Amino acid sequence: MSGVVRHSAAWALAIVLLSPEAVAAVRETDEDDEAGSWLHRLGLGIEGDIELLLEEQSGDTGTELTFDEAGLTLERDGLEGELGLKVETDGETRLRVENAWIAIGGTARVPARLTVGRDVMPFGSYESQLIEDPLTAALGETDDASVTLAFVTESTVLSLSGFTGQSAQDGDVDLILSAERTAGDWCVAVSWSHDLAESVELRELLDERAESGATRAPDAVSALATSITGTRGRATIGAEIVYALGSFPPGTLDERRRRPLAWSTELAARIAPRWTLAARVDGSRELPGLAELRVGACASHELLDWLHGTLDLVRASMPGADPVHLVGLALGIEL
């Protein structure tokens, strides 16, 4: 998709979303609302996770402690925002802004929704009960400062995200398109990314390669992500695949031509009012440094209404190396 077409699509959708009728609808207040003032109807929330990962491979062990997504959320009809921080300690301490965004619209009166700020963009879903992210997230998760324009109803979400990634040239804009449909207890989502090299994992890998003299792919490598989730009674099942539509030429990801793919399947069940068990199998191909196959399980317990704990056990088969064993412990807070 050319830069002209991408810019035209973004401006057209922005004009629809920011028309006087849409803005006036967002400003409307419900005369029958007995809550009173604007501040009285404002919802604030605090959430965060503390994660400890223990890793063993060939007798060598490592530990990583993460304060993940400690954040503050704000919400009322037609307005939502979030600020989240992440602190990692794996030999050195790093602090970064995980997300900082504000959204307007997305209500029954105004189905158009505009989101501005830094957040994970709607390419893939990556939902999991386990602490360790699925390999689909390692391949496709993309977060950056962006603008997302969406049309939201009870059963359908259509969105267009635009951002200037590290691979963009001459002021060009990278795009992500997403469509999600819910029918009963099932949800199907399909999304397209203009450049897979802008995902968090591949961006880090390409940056490391660049330090050793390698160059980024001369052309963008687009990708698709498809997922399906469903609920039956107390059980939830999900499957997802993320795959490149083109190839990275030799000298970019490594010395071979690569066309990455990652997949994940997971089954979770609430076996008691406060207990949930889950099992996941995921894998990847042509993705240097990541597992070819992983098998994991977790147990989650709601210690209090606002506090839950999770225990992970994961075994990962690595290409040309001994398997990696992971043990994860996490405490999550939601107020």
C-alpha atoms as a PDB file:
ATOM      1  CA  MET A   1       0.000   0.000   0.000  1.00  0.00           C
ATOM      2  CA  SER A   2       1.512   3.318  -1.065  1.00  0.00           C
ATOM      3  CA  GLY A   3       2.111   6.191   1.330  1.00  0.00           C
ATOM      4  CA  VAL A   4      -0.454   8.327  -0.559  1.00  0.00           C
ATOM      5  CA  VAL A   5      -3.183   5.702  -0.159  1.00  0.00           C
ATOM      6  CA  ARG A   6      -2.378   5.171   3.512  1.00  0.00           C
ATOM      7  CA  HIS A   7      -2.454   8.908   4.257  1.00  0.00           C
ATOM      8  CA  SER A   8      -5.711   9.352   2.311  1.00  0.00           C
ATOM      9  CA  ALA A   9      -7.425   6.521   4.203  1.00  0.00           C
ATOM     10  CA  ALA A  10      -6.338   7.921   7.550  1.00  0.00           C
ATOM     11  CA  TRP A  11      -7.514  11.457   6.723  1.00  0.00           C
ATOM     12  CA  ALA A  12     -10.864  10.222   5.415  1.00  0.00           C
ATOM     13  CA  LEU A  13     -11.599   8.278   8.568  1.00  0.00           C
ATOM     14  CA  ALA A  14     -10.387  11.176  10.736  1.00  0.00           C
ATOM     15  CA  ILE A  15     -12.820  13.562   8.978  1.00  0.00           C
ATOM     16  CA  VAL A  16     -15.725  11.192   9.717  1.00  0.00           C
ATOM     17  CA  LEU A  17     -14.707  10.759  13.343  1.00  0.00           C
ATOM     18  CA  LEU A  18     -14.059  14.411  14.021  1.00  0.00           C
ATOM     19  CA  SER A  19     -17.089  15.811  12.212  1.00  0.00           C
ATOM     20  CA  PRO A  20     -19.196  18.370  14.127  1.00  0.00           C
ATOM     21  CA  GLU A  21     -21.941  15.773  14.596  1.00  0.00           C
ATOM     22  CA  ALA A  22     -19.551  13.271  16.210  1.00  0.00           C
ATOM     23  CA  VAL A  23     -17.961  15.877  18.478  1.00  0.00           C
ATOM     24  CA  ALA A  24     -21.367  17.222  19.527  1.00  0.00           C
ATOM     25  CA  ALA A  25     -22.568  13.719  20.349  1.00  0.00           C
ATOM     26  CA  VAL A  26     -19.576  13.121  22.621  1.00  0.00           C
ATOM     27  CA  ARG A  27     -20.343  16.382  24.451  1.00  0.00           C
ATOM     28  CA  GLU A  28     -23.962  15.392  25.082  1.00  0.00           C
ATOM     29  CA  THR A  29     -24.921  14.523  28.643  1.00  0.00           C
ATOM     30  CA  ASP A  30     -27.730  12.226  29.631  1.00  0.00           C
ATOM     31  CA  GLU A  31     -30.458  14.371  31.224  1.00  0.00           C
ATOM     32  CA  ASP A  32     -31.811  11.315  33.015  1.00  0.00           C
ATOM     33  CA  ASP A  33     -28.464  10.572  34.636  1.00  0.00           C
ATOM     34  CA  GLU A  34     -28.913  10.935  38.379  1.00  0.00           C
ATOM     35  CA  ALA A  35     -25.194  10.589  39.146  1.00  0.00           C
ATOM     36  CA  GLY A  36     -24.753  14.357  39.226  1.00  0.00           C
ATOM     37  CA  SER A  37     -21.486  16.016  38.317  1.00  0.00           C
ATOM     38  CA  TRP A  38     -18.956  14.933  35.686  1.00  0.00           C
ATOM     39  CA  LEU A  39     -16.439  14.037  38.402  1.00  0.00           C
ATOM     40  CA  HIS A  40     -19.007  11.875  40.187  1.00  0.00           C
ATOM     41  CA  ARG A  41     -19.369   9.758  37.037  1.00  0.00           C
ATOM     42  CA  LEU A  42     -15.602   9.459  36.575  1.00  0.00           C
ATOM     43  CA  GLY A  43     -14.168   5.969  37.208  1.00  0.00           C
ATOM     44  CA  LEU A  44     -10.566   5.518  38.371  1.00  0.00           C
ATOM     45  CA  GLY A  45      -8.720   2.202  38.625  1.00  0.00           C
ATOM     46  CA  ILE A  46      -5.290   0.986  39.708  1.00  0.00           C
ATOM     47  CA  GLU A  47      -3.738  -2.280  38.561  1.00  0.00           C
ATOM     48  CA  GLY A  48      -0.334  -3.904  38.422  1.00  0.00           C
ATOM     49  CA  ASP A  49       1.592  -7.178  38.355  1.00  0.00           C
ATOM     50  CA  ILE A  50       4.752  -8.350  40.089  1.00  0.00           C
ATOM     51  CA  GLU A  51       6.370 -11.227  38.180  1.00  0.00           C
ATOM     52  CA  LEU A  52       9.320 -13.464  39.066  1.00  0.00           C
ATOM     53  CA  LEU A  53      10.719 -15.774  36.349  1.00  0.00           C
ATOM     54  CA  LEU A  54      13.274 -18.505  37.053  1.00  0.00           C
ATOM     55  CA  GLU A  55      14.987 -20.001  33.982  1.00  0.00           C
ATOM     56  CA  GLU A  56      17.226 -23.070  33.645  1.00  0.00           C
ATOM     57  CA  GLN A  57      19.106 -24.363  30.589  1.00  0.00           C
ATOM     58  CA  SER A  58      21.994 -26.845  30.561  1.00  0.00           C
ATOM     59  CA  GLY A  59      22.527 -26.329  34.303  1.00  0.00           C
ATOM     60  CA  ASP A  60      22.726 -22.535  34.026  1.00  0.00           C
ATOM     61  CA  THR A  61      20.055 -20.534  35.843  1.00  0.00           C
ATOM     62  CA  GLY A  62      18.787 -16.975  35.620  1.00  0.00           C
ATOM     63  CA  THR A  63      16.256 -14.798  37.423  1.00  0.00           C
ATOM     64  CA  GLU A  64      14.166 -11.874  36.225  1.00  0.00           C
ATOM     65  CA  LEU A  65      11.932  -9.710  38.416  1.00  0.00           C
ATOM     66  CA  THR A  66       9.405  -7.467  36.678  1.00  0.00           C
ATOM     67  CA  PHE A  67       6.965  -4.879  37.964  1.00  0.00           C
ATOM     68  CA  ASP A  68       4.714  -5.168  34.959  1.00  0.00           C
ATOM     69  CA  GLU A  69       2.116  -2.668  33.818  1.00  0.00           C
ATOM     70  CA  ALA A  70       1.650  -0.806  37.081  1.00  0.00           C
ATOM     71  CA  GLY A  71      -0.968   1.577  35.820  1.00  0.00           C
ATOM     72  CA  LEU A  72      -3.743   4.065  36.422  1.00  0.00           C
ATOM     73  CA  THR A  73      -6.935   4.001  34.354  1.00  0.00           C
ATOM     74  CA  LEU A  74      -9.627   6.637  33.884  1.00  0.00           C
ATOM     75  CA  GLU A  75     -13.046   5.894  32.435  1.00  0.00           C
ATOM     76  CA  ARG A  76     -16.477   7.429  31.872  1.00  0.00           C
ATOM     77  CA  ASP A  77     -18.993   7.321  29.021  1.00  0.00           C
ATOM     78  CA  GLY A  78     -17.160   8.344  25.867  1.00  0.00           C
ATOM     79  CA  LEU A  79     -13.794   8.958  27.536  1.00  0.00           C
ATOM     80  CA  GLU A  80     -11.069   6.559  28.629  1.00  0.00           C
ATOM     81  CA  GLY A  81      -7.368   6.840  29.403  1.00  0.00           C
ATOM     82  CA  GLU A  82      -4.498   4.832  30.831  1.00  0.00           C
ATOM     83  CA  LEU A  83      -0.951   5.374  32.072  1.00  0.00           C
ATOM     84  CA  GLY A  84       1.212   2.302  32.679  1.00  0.00           C
ATOM     85  CA  LEU A  85       4.851   1.803  33.701  1.00  0.00           C
ATOM     86  CA  LYS A  86       7.079  -1.268  33.564  1.00  0.00           C
ATOM     87  CA  VAL A  87      10.252  -1.972  35.579  1.00  0.00           C
ATOM     88  CA  GLU A  88      12.505  -4.914  34.619  1.00  0.00           C
ATOM     89  CA  THR A  89      15.468  -6.264  36.587  1.00  0.00           C
ATOM     90  CA  ASP A  90      17.562  -8.960  34.908  1.00  0.00           C
ATOM     91  CA  GLY A  91      21.063  -7.841  35.777  1.00  0.00           C
ATOM     92  CA  GLU A  92      20.205  -4.177  35.227  1.00  0.00           C
ATOM     93  CA  THR A  93      17.135  -2.132  36.067  1.00  0.00           C
ATOM     94  CA  ARG A  94      15.100  -0.562  33.268  1.00  0.00           C
ATOM     95  CA  LEU A  95      12.049   1.674  33.548  1.00  0.00           C
ATOM     96  CA  ARG A  96       9.865   2.461  30.578  1.00  0.00           C
ATOM     97  CA  VAL A  97       6.413   3.780  29.794  1.00  0.00           C
ATOM     98  CA  GLU A  98       4.364   0.733  28.800  1.00  0.00           C
ATOM     99  CA  ASN A  99       1.342   2.726  27.686  1.00  0.00           C
ATOM    100  CA  ALA A 100       0.019   6.288  27.882  1.00  0.00           C
ATOM    101  CA  TRP A 101      -3.113   6.993  25.875  1.00  0.00           C
ATOM    102  CA  ILE A 102      -6.506   8.644  25.844  1.00  0.00           C
ATOM    103  CA  ALA A 103      -9.591   7.646  23.830  1.00  0.00           C
ATOM    104  CA  ILE A 104     -12.834   9.426  23.021  1.00  0.00           C
ATOM    105  CA  GLY A 105     -16.049   7.907  21.630  1.00  0.00           C
ATOM    106  CA  GLY A 106     -16.865   4.224  21.262  1.00  0.00           C
ATOM    107  CA  THR A 107     -20.319   4.475  22.869  1.00  0.00           C
ATOM    108  CA  ALA A 108     -23.829   3.518  21.710  1.00  0.00           C
ATOM    109  CA  ARG A 109     -24.396   7.164  20.704  1.00  0.00           C
ATOM    110  CA  VAL A 110     -20.961   7.588  19.117  1.00  0.00           C
ATOM    111  CA  PRO A 111     -19.631   4.265  17.763  1.00  0.00           C
ATOM    112  CA  ALA A 112     -16.606   6.049  16.272  1.00  0.00           C
ATOM    113  CA  ARG A 113     -13.606   5.960  18.643  1.00  0.00           C
ATOM    114  CA  LEU A 114     -10.353   7.917  18.443  1.00  0.00           C
ATOM    115  CA  THR A 115      -7.329   6.781  20.486  1.00  0.00           C
ATOM    116  CA  VAL A 116      -4.110   8.810  20.692  1.00  0.00           C
ATOM    117  CA  GLY A 117      -0.926   7.882  22.562  1.00  0.00           C
ATOM    118  CA  ARG A 118       1.400   4.959  23.202  1.00  0.00           C
ATOM    119  CA  ASP A 119      -0.236   1.541  23.441  1.00  0.00           C
ATOM    120  CA  VAL A 120      -0.150  -1.999  22.070  1.00  0.00           C
ATOM    121  CA  MET A 121      -1.818  -1.724  18.676  1.00  0.00           C
ATOM    122  CA  PRO A 122      -4.601  -4.078  17.541  1.00  0.00           C
ATOM    123  CA  PHE A 123      -2.423  -6.561  15.646  1.00  0.00           C
ATOM    124  CA  GLY A 124      -3.097  -9.978  17.177  1.00  0.00           C
ATOM    125  CA  SER A 125      -4.756 -10.638  20.538  1.00  0.00           C
ATOM    126  CA  TYR A 126      -2.167 -12.605  22.605  1.00  0.00           C
ATOM    127  CA  GLU A 127      -4.591 -13.306  25.478  1.00  0.00           C
ATOM    128  CA  SER A 128      -3.256 -15.927  27.914  1.00  0.00           C
ATOM    129  CA  GLN A 129      -3.710 -17.110  31.484  1.00  0.00           C
ATOM    130  CA  LEU A 130       0.019 -17.885  31.705  1.00  0.00           C
ATOM    131  CA  ILE A 131       2.545 -15.330  32.916  1.00  0.00           C
ATOM    132  CA  GLU A 132       4.883 -15.931  29.979  1.00  0.00           C
ATOM    133  CA  ASP A 133       3.503 -14.339  26.790  1.00  0.00           C
ATOM    134  CA  PRO A 134       2.651 -16.679  23.893  1.00  0.00           C
ATOM    135  CA  LEU A 135       5.115 -16.878  21.005  1.00  0.00           C
ATOM    136  CA  THR A 136       2.586 -15.110  18.788  1.00  0.00           C
ATOM    137  CA  ALA A 137       3.146 -12.019  20.952  1.00  0.00           C
ATOM    138  CA  ALA A 138       6.915 -12.420  20.636  1.00  0.00           C
ATOM    139  CA  LEU A 139       6.537 -12.275  16.854  1.00  0.00           C
ATOM    140  CA  GLY A 140       3.747  -9.759  16.346  1.00  0.00           C
ATOM    141  CA  GLU A 141       3.150  -7.514  19.375  1.00  0.00           C
ATOM    142  CA  THR A 142       3.605  -3.892  18.265  1.00  0.00           C
ATOM    143  CA  ASP A 143       3.549  -0.883  20.572  1.00  0.00           C
ATOM    144  CA  ASP A 144       4.404   2.686  19.658  1.00  0.00           C
ATOM    145  CA  ALA A 145       3.036   6.213  19.749  1.00  0.00           C
ATOM    146  CA  SER A 146       0.080   5.991  17.386  1.00  0.00           C
ATOM    147  CA  VAL A 147      -3.364   7.188  16.339  1.00  0.00           C
ATOM    148  CA  THR A 148      -6.130   4.581  16.091  1.00  0.00           C
ATOM    149  CA  LEU A 149      -9.489   5.258  14.481  1.00  0.00           C
ATOM    150  CA  ALA A 150     -12.152   2.618  15.159  1.00  0.00           C
ATOM    151  CA  PHE A 151     -15.822   1.834  14.647  1.00  0.00           C
ATOM    152  CA  VAL A 152     -17.217  -0.032  17.674  1.00  0.00           C
ATOM    153  CA  THR A 153     -20.531  -1.855  18.132  1.00  0.00           C
ATOM    154  CA  GLU A 154     -21.642  -4.625  20.490  1.00  0.00           C
ATOM    155  CA  SER A 155     -20.543  -7.323  18.031  1.00  0.00           C
ATOM    156  CA  THR A 156     -18.015  -5.672  15.695  1.00  0.00           C
ATOM    157  CA  VAL A 157     -14.815  -3.648  15.984  1.00  0.00           C
ATOM    158  CA  LEU A 158     -13.096  -2.220  12.882  1.00  0.00           C
ATOM    159  CA  SER A 159      -9.946  -0.165  13.322  1.00  0.00           C
ATOM    160  CA  LEU A 160      -7.137   1.587  11.476  1.00  0.00           C
ATOM    161  CA  SER A 161      -3.905   2.480  13.319  1.00  0.00           C
ATOM    162  CA  GLY A 162      -1.195   4.769  12.000  1.00  0.00           C
ATOM    163  CA  PHE A 163       2.294   5.310  13.434  1.00  0.00           C
ATOM    164  CA  THR A 164       5.792   6.277  12.334  1.00  0.00           C
ATOM    165  CA  GLY A 165       8.002   3.295  13.092  1.00  0.00           C
ATOM    166  CA  GLN A 166      11.765   3.063  13.128  1.00  0.00           C
ATOM    167  CA  SER A 167      11.785   1.597   9.616  1.00  0.00           C
ATOM    168  CA  ALA A 168       9.630   4.372   8.132  1.00  0.00           C
ATOM    169  CA  GLN A 169      11.360   6.646   5.647  1.00  0.00           C
ATOM    170  CA  ASP A 170      10.619  10.145   4.358  1.00  0.00           C
ATOM    171  CA  GLY A 171       7.816  10.731   6.855  1.00  0.00           C
ATOM    172  CA  ASP A 172       5.916   7.636   5.713  1.00  0.00           C
ATOM    173  CA  VAL A 173       3.296   6.142   8.029  1.00  0.00           C
ATOM    174  CA  ASP A 174       3.001   2.448   8.954  1.00  0.00           C
ATOM    175  CA  LEU A 175      -0.523   1.053   9.182  1.00  0.00           C
ATOM    176  CA  ILE A 176      -2.323  -1.715  11.045  1.00  0.00           C
ATOM    177  CA  LEU A 177      -5.837  -2.777  10.020  1.00  0.00           C
ATOM    178  CA  SER A 178      -8.004  -4.894  12.307  1.00  0.00           C
ATOM    179  CA  ALA A 179     -11.473  -6.482  12.261  1.00  0.00           C
ATOM    180  CA  GLU A 180     -13.128  -8.346  15.149  1.00  0.00           C
ATOM    181  CA  ARG A 181     -16.512 -10.066  15.205  1.00  0.00           C
ATOM    182  CA  THR A 182     -18.310 -11.583  18.194  1.00  0.00           C
ATOM    183  CA  ALA A 183     -21.198 -14.032  17.800  1.00  0.00           C
ATOM    184  CA  GLY A 184     -22.573 -15.558  20.975  1.00  0.00           C
ATOM    185  CA  ASP A 185     -19.717 -17.149  22.938  1.00  0.00           C
ATOM    186  CA  TRP A 186     -17.235 -16.972  20.039  1.00  0.00           C
ATOM    187  CA  CYS A 187     -14.978 -14.201  18.781  1.00  0.00           C
ATOM    188  CA  VAL A 188     -12.962 -14.132  15.534  1.00  0.00           C
ATOM    189  CA  ALA A 189     -10.319 -11.492  14.792  1.00  0.00           C
ATOM    190  CA  VAL A 190      -8.181 -10.779  11.718  1.00  0.00           C
ATOM    191  CA  SER A 191      -5.532  -8.063  11.488  1.00  0.00           C
ATOM    192  CA  TRP A 192      -2.893  -6.917   9.005  1.00  0.00           C
ATOM    193  CA  SER A 193       0.380  -5.113   9.690  1.00  0.00           C
ATOM    194  CA  HIS A 194       2.170  -3.134   7.004  1.00  0.00           C
ATOM    195  CA  ASP A 195       5.637  -3.958   8.432  1.00  0.00           C
ATOM    196  CA  LEU A 196       6.311  -6.888  10.772  1.00  0.00           C
ATOM    197  CA  ALA A 197       9.775  -5.436  11.456  1.00  0.00           C
ATOM    198  CA  GLU A 198       8.052  -2.889  13.722  1.00  0.00           C
ATOM    199  CA  SER A 199       7.028  -5.551  16.252  1.00  0.00           C
ATOM    200  CA  VAL A 200       8.803  -5.283  19.615  1.00  0.00           C
ATOM    201  CA  GLU A 201      10.765  -8.543  19.306  1.00  0.00           C
ATOM    202  CA  LEU A 202      11.897  -8.102  15.686  1.00  0.00           C
ATOM    203  CA  ARG A 203      12.766  -4.447  16.267  1.00  0.00           C
ATOM    204  CA  GLU A 204      15.108  -5.448  19.113  1.00  0.00           C
ATOM    205  CA  LEU A 205      16.615  -8.251  17.015  1.00  0.00           C
ATOM    206  CA  LEU A 206      17.161  -5.943  14.040  1.00  0.00           C
ATOM    207  CA  ASP A 207      18.726  -3.284  16.276  1.00  0.00           C
ATOM    208  CA  GLU A 208      21.187  -5.869  17.632  1.00  0.00           C
ATOM    209  CA  ARG A 209      21.989  -7.003  14.112  1.00  0.00           C
ATOM    210  CA  ALA A 210      22.474  -3.393  12.982  1.00  0.00           C
ATOM    211  CA  GLU A 211      25.146  -2.931  15.657  1.00  0.00           C
ATOM    212  CA  SER A 212      27.116  -5.750  14.002  1.00  0.00           C
ATOM    213  CA  GLY A 213      26.807  -4.220  10.533  1.00  0.00           C
ATOM    214  CA  ALA A 214      23.610  -5.823   9.246  1.00  0.00           C
ATOM    215  CA  THR A 215      20.943  -3.747   7.526  1.00  0.00           C
ATOM    216  CA  ARG A 216      17.165  -3.719   7.814  1.00  0.00           C
ATOM    217  CA  ALA A 217      15.009  -5.242   5.096  1.00  0.00           C
ATOM    218  CA  PRO A 218      14.915  -2.848   2.101  1.00  0.00           C
ATOM    219  CA  ASP A 219      11.135  -3.265   1.789  1.00  0.00           C
ATOM    220  CA  ALA A 220       8.419  -3.646   4.409  1.00  0.00           C
ATOM    221  CA  VAL A 221       7.396  -7.237   5.179  1.00  0.00           C
ATOM    222  CA  SER A 222       3.662  -7.295   5.871  1.00  0.00           C
ATOM    223  CA  ALA A 223       1.958  -9.880   8.082  1.00  0.00           C
ATOM    224  CA  LEU A 224      -1.418 -11.321   9.062  1.00  0.00           C
ATOM    225  CA  ALA A 225      -2.722 -12.355  12.488  1.00  0.00           C
ATOM    226  CA  THR A 226      -5.829 -14.516  12.944  1.00  0.00           C
ATOM    227  CA  SER A 227      -7.391 -15.680  16.207  1.00  0.00           C
ATOM    228  CA  ILE A 228     -10.510 -17.414  17.481  1.00  0.00           C
ATOM    229  CA  THR A 229     -11.703 -17.745  21.083  1.00  0.00           C
ATOM    230  CA  GLY A 230     -14.760 -19.400  22.534  1.00  0.00           C
ATOM    231  CA  THR A 231     -16.372 -20.176  25.880  1.00  0.00           C
ATOM    232  CA  ARG A 232     -18.345 -23.259  26.859  1.00  0.00           C
ATOM    233  CA  GLY A 233     -19.547 -23.353  30.427  1.00  0.00           C
ATOM    234  CA  ARG A 234     -16.506 -22.861  32.670  1.00  0.00           C
ATOM    235  CA  ALA A 235     -13.993 -23.567  29.875  1.00  0.00           C
ATOM    236  CA  THR A 236     -12.360 -21.162  27.417  1.00  0.00           C
ATOM    237  CA  ILE A 237     -10.405 -22.213  24.339  1.00  0.00           C
ATOM    238  CA  GLY A 238      -8.330 -20.047  22.026  1.00  0.00           C
ATOM    239  CA  ALA A 239      -6.078 -20.405  18.983  1.00  0.00           C
ATOM    240  CA  GLU A 240      -3.990 -17.856  17.107  1.00  0.00           C
ATOM    241  CA  ILE A 241      -1.483 -17.686  14.263  1.00  0.00           C
ATOM    242  CA  VAL A 242       0.752 -14.804  13.148  1.00  0.00           C
ATOM    243  CA  TYR A 243       2.708 -15.124   9.906  1.00  0.00           C
ATOM    244  CA  ALA A 244       4.719 -12.997   7.522  1.00  0.00           C
ATOM    245  CA  LEU A 245       3.326 -12.523   4.021  1.00  0.00           C
ATOM    246  CA  GLY A 246       6.820 -11.941   2.638  1.00  0.00           C
ATOM    247  CA  SER A 247      10.385 -12.879   3.516  1.00  0.00           C
ATOM    248  CA  PHE A 248      13.265 -11.117   5.234  1.00  0.00           C
ATOM    249  CA  PRO A 249      16.273 -11.350   2.886  1.00  0.00           C
ATOM    250  CA  PRO A 250      19.594 -12.880   3.989  1.00  0.00           C
ATOM    251  CA  GLY A 251      21.594 -10.554   6.209  1.00  0.00           C
ATOM    252  CA  THR A 252      18.633  -9.052   8.094  1.00  0.00           C
ATOM    253  CA  LEU A 253      17.353 -11.448  10.808  1.00  0.00           C
ATOM    254  CA  ASP A 254      20.372 -13.732  10.260  1.00  0.00           C
ATOM    255  CA  GLU A 255      22.318 -15.086   7.290  1.00  0.00           C
ATOM    256  CA  ARG A 256      19.335 -16.983   5.874  1.00  0.00           C
ATOM    257  CA  ARG A 257      16.158 -15.880   4.118  1.00  0.00           C
ATOM    258  CA  ARG A 258      13.419 -15.981   6.767  1.00  0.00           C
ATOM    259  CA  ARG A 259       9.607 -16.020   6.655  1.00  0.00           C
ATOM    260  CA  PRO A 260       8.599 -16.093  10.353  1.00  0.00           C
ATOM    261  CA  LEU A 261       5.477 -17.754  11.719  1.00  0.00           C
ATOM    262  CA  ALA A 262       4.186 -18.301  15.255  1.00  0.00           C
ATOM    263  CA  TRP A 263       1.108 -20.097  16.610  1.00  0.00           C
ATOM    264  CA  SER A 264      -0.557 -20.710  19.954  1.00  0.00           C
ATOM    265  CA  THR A 265      -3.422 -22.796  21.389  1.00  0.00           C
ATOM    266  CA  GLU A 266      -4.714 -22.613  24.961  1.00  0.00           C
ATOM    267  CA  LEU A 267      -7.406 -24.218  27.098  1.00  0.00           C
ATOM    268  CA  ALA A 268      -8.445 -22.727  30.458  1.00  0.00           C
ATOM    269  CA  ALA A 269     -11.091 -23.860  32.937  1.00  0.00           C
ATOM    270  CA  ARG A 270     -12.425 -22.443  36.201  1.00  0.00           C
ATOM    271  CA  ILE A 271     -12.481 -25.546  38.402  1.00  0.00           C
ATOM    272  CA  ALA A 272     -13.688 -23.732  41.528  1.00  0.00           C
ATOM    273  CA  PRO A 273     -15.010 -20.258  42.367  1.00  0.00           C
ATOM    274  CA  ARG A 274     -11.483 -18.922  42.961  1.00  0.00           C
ATOM    275  CA  TRP A 275      -9.312 -21.429  41.028  1.00  0.00           C
ATOM    276  CA  THR A 276      -8.439 -21.493  37.292  1.00  0.00           C
ATOM    277  CA  LEU A 277      -6.201 -24.014  35.525  1.00  0.00           C
ATOM    278  CA  ALA A 278      -4.794 -23.520  32.013  1.00  0.00           C
ATOM    279  CA  ALA A 279      -2.584 -25.387  29.532  1.00  0.00           C
ATOM    280  CA  ARG A 280      -0.935 -23.929  26.432  1.00  0.00           C
ATOM    281  CA  VAL A 281       1.029 -25.287  23.483  1.00  0.00           C
ATOM    282  CA  ASP A 282       2.729 -22.822  21.147  1.00  0.00           C
ATOM    283  CA  GLY A 283       5.532 -22.783  18.630  1.00  0.00           C
ATOM    284  CA  SER A 284       7.362 -20.852  15.926  1.00  0.00           C
ATOM    285  CA  ARG A 285       9.438 -21.372  12.813  1.00  0.00           C
ATOM    286  CA  GLU A 286      12.157 -19.339  11.122  1.00  0.00           C
ATOM    287  CA  LEU A 287      12.331 -16.989  14.098  1.00  0.00           C
ATOM    288  CA  PRO A 288      15.933 -16.859  15.402  1.00  0.00           C
ATOM    289  CA  GLY A 289      16.345 -17.122  19.171  1.00  0.00           C
ATOM    290  CA  LEU A 290      12.803 -18.282  19.958  1.00  0.00           C
ATOM    291  CA  ALA A 291      11.515 -21.735  20.858  1.00  0.00           C
ATOM    292  CA  GLU A 292      10.321 -24.093  18.139  1.00  0.00           C
ATOM    293  CA  LEU A 293       7.858 -25.687  20.562  1.00  0.00           C
ATOM    294  CA  ARG A 294       6.717 -24.850  24.097  1.00  0.00           C
ATOM    295  CA  VAL A 295       4.403 -26.637  26.486  1.00  0.00           C
ATOM    296  CA  GLY A 296       3.164 -24.853  29.598  1.00  0.00           C
ATOM    297  CA  ALA A 297       0.580 -24.964  32.365  1.00  0.00           C
ATOM    298  CA  CYS A 298      -0.509 -22.607  35.112  1.00  0.00           C
ATOM    299  CA  ALA A 299      -2.722 -22.413  38.182  1.00  0.00           C
ATOM    300  CA  SER A 300      -4.325 -19.102  39.202  1.00  0.00           C
ATOM    301  CA  HIS A 301      -5.999 -18.349  42.524  1.00  0.00           C
ATOM    302  CA  GLU A 302      -8.034 -15.296  43.526  1.00  0.00           C
ATOM    303  CA  LEU A 303      -6.580 -14.667  46.978  1.00  0.00           C
ATOM    304  CA  LEU A 304      -8.878 -11.655  47.507  1.00  0.00           C
ATOM    305  CA  ASP A 305     -11.363  -9.787  45.343  1.00  0.00           C
ATOM    306  CA  TRP A 306      -8.551  -7.423  44.315  1.00  0.00           C
ATOM    307  CA  LEU A 307      -5.523  -9.779  44.543  1.00  0.00           C
ATOM    308  CA  HIS A 308      -4.707 -12.922  42.567  1.00  0.00           C
ATOM    309  CA  GLY A 309      -1.667 -15.196  42.271  1.00  0.00           C
ATOM    310  CA  THR A 310      -0.391 -17.361  39.392  1.00  0.00           C
ATOM    311  CA  LEU A 311       2.145 -20.208  39.128  1.00  0.00           C
ATOM    312  CA  ASP A 312       3.613 -21.111  35.701  1.00  0.00           C
ATOM    313  CA  LEU A 313       5.561 -24.182  34.546  1.00  0.00           C
ATOM    314  CA  VAL A 314       6.917 -24.058  30.969  1.00  0.00           C
ATOM    315  CA  ARG A 315       9.254 -26.272  28.907  1.00  0.00           C
ATOM    316  CA  ALA A 316      10.660 -24.813  25.667  1.00  0.00           C
ATOM    317  CA  SER A 317      12.443 -26.775  22.903  1.00  0.00           C
ATOM    318  CA  MET A 318      15.136 -24.583  21.365  1.00  0.00           C
ATOM    319  CA  PRO A 319      16.609 -25.125  17.876  1.00  0.00           C
ATOM    320  CA  GLY A 320      20.055 -26.732  18.154  1.00  0.00           C
ATOM    321  CA  ALA A 321      20.230 -26.331  21.944  1.00  0.00           C
ATOM    322  CA  ASP A 322      19.106 -27.933  25.205  1.00  0.00           C
ATOM    323  CA  PRO A 323      15.521 -27.258  26.331  1.00  0.00           C
ATOM    324  CA  VAL A 324      14.724 -24.323  28.589  1.00  0.00           C
ATOM    325  CA  HIS A 325      12.676 -24.794  31.771  1.00  0.00           C
ATOM    326  CA  LEU A 326      10.789 -21.847  33.228  1.00  0.00           C
ATOM    327  CA  VAL A 327       9.043 -21.354  36.564  1.00  0.00           C
ATOM    328  CA  GLY A 328       6.984 -18.188  36.965  1.00  0.00           C
ATOM    329  CA  LEU A 329       5.314 -16.610  39.977  1.00  0.00           C
ATOM    330  CA  ALA A 330       3.090 -13.546  39.775  1.00  0.00           C
ATOM    331  CA  LEU A 331       0.879 -11.409  42.010  1.00  0.00           C
ATOM    332  CA  GLY A 332      -1.715  -9.187  40.358  1.00  0.00           C
ATOM    333  CA  ILE A 333      -3.558  -6.249  41.906  1.00  0.00           C
ATOM    334  CA  GLU A 334      -6.706  -4.621  40.520  1.00  0.00           C
ATOM    335  CA  LEU A 335      -8.519  -1.871  42.400  1.00  0.00           C
END
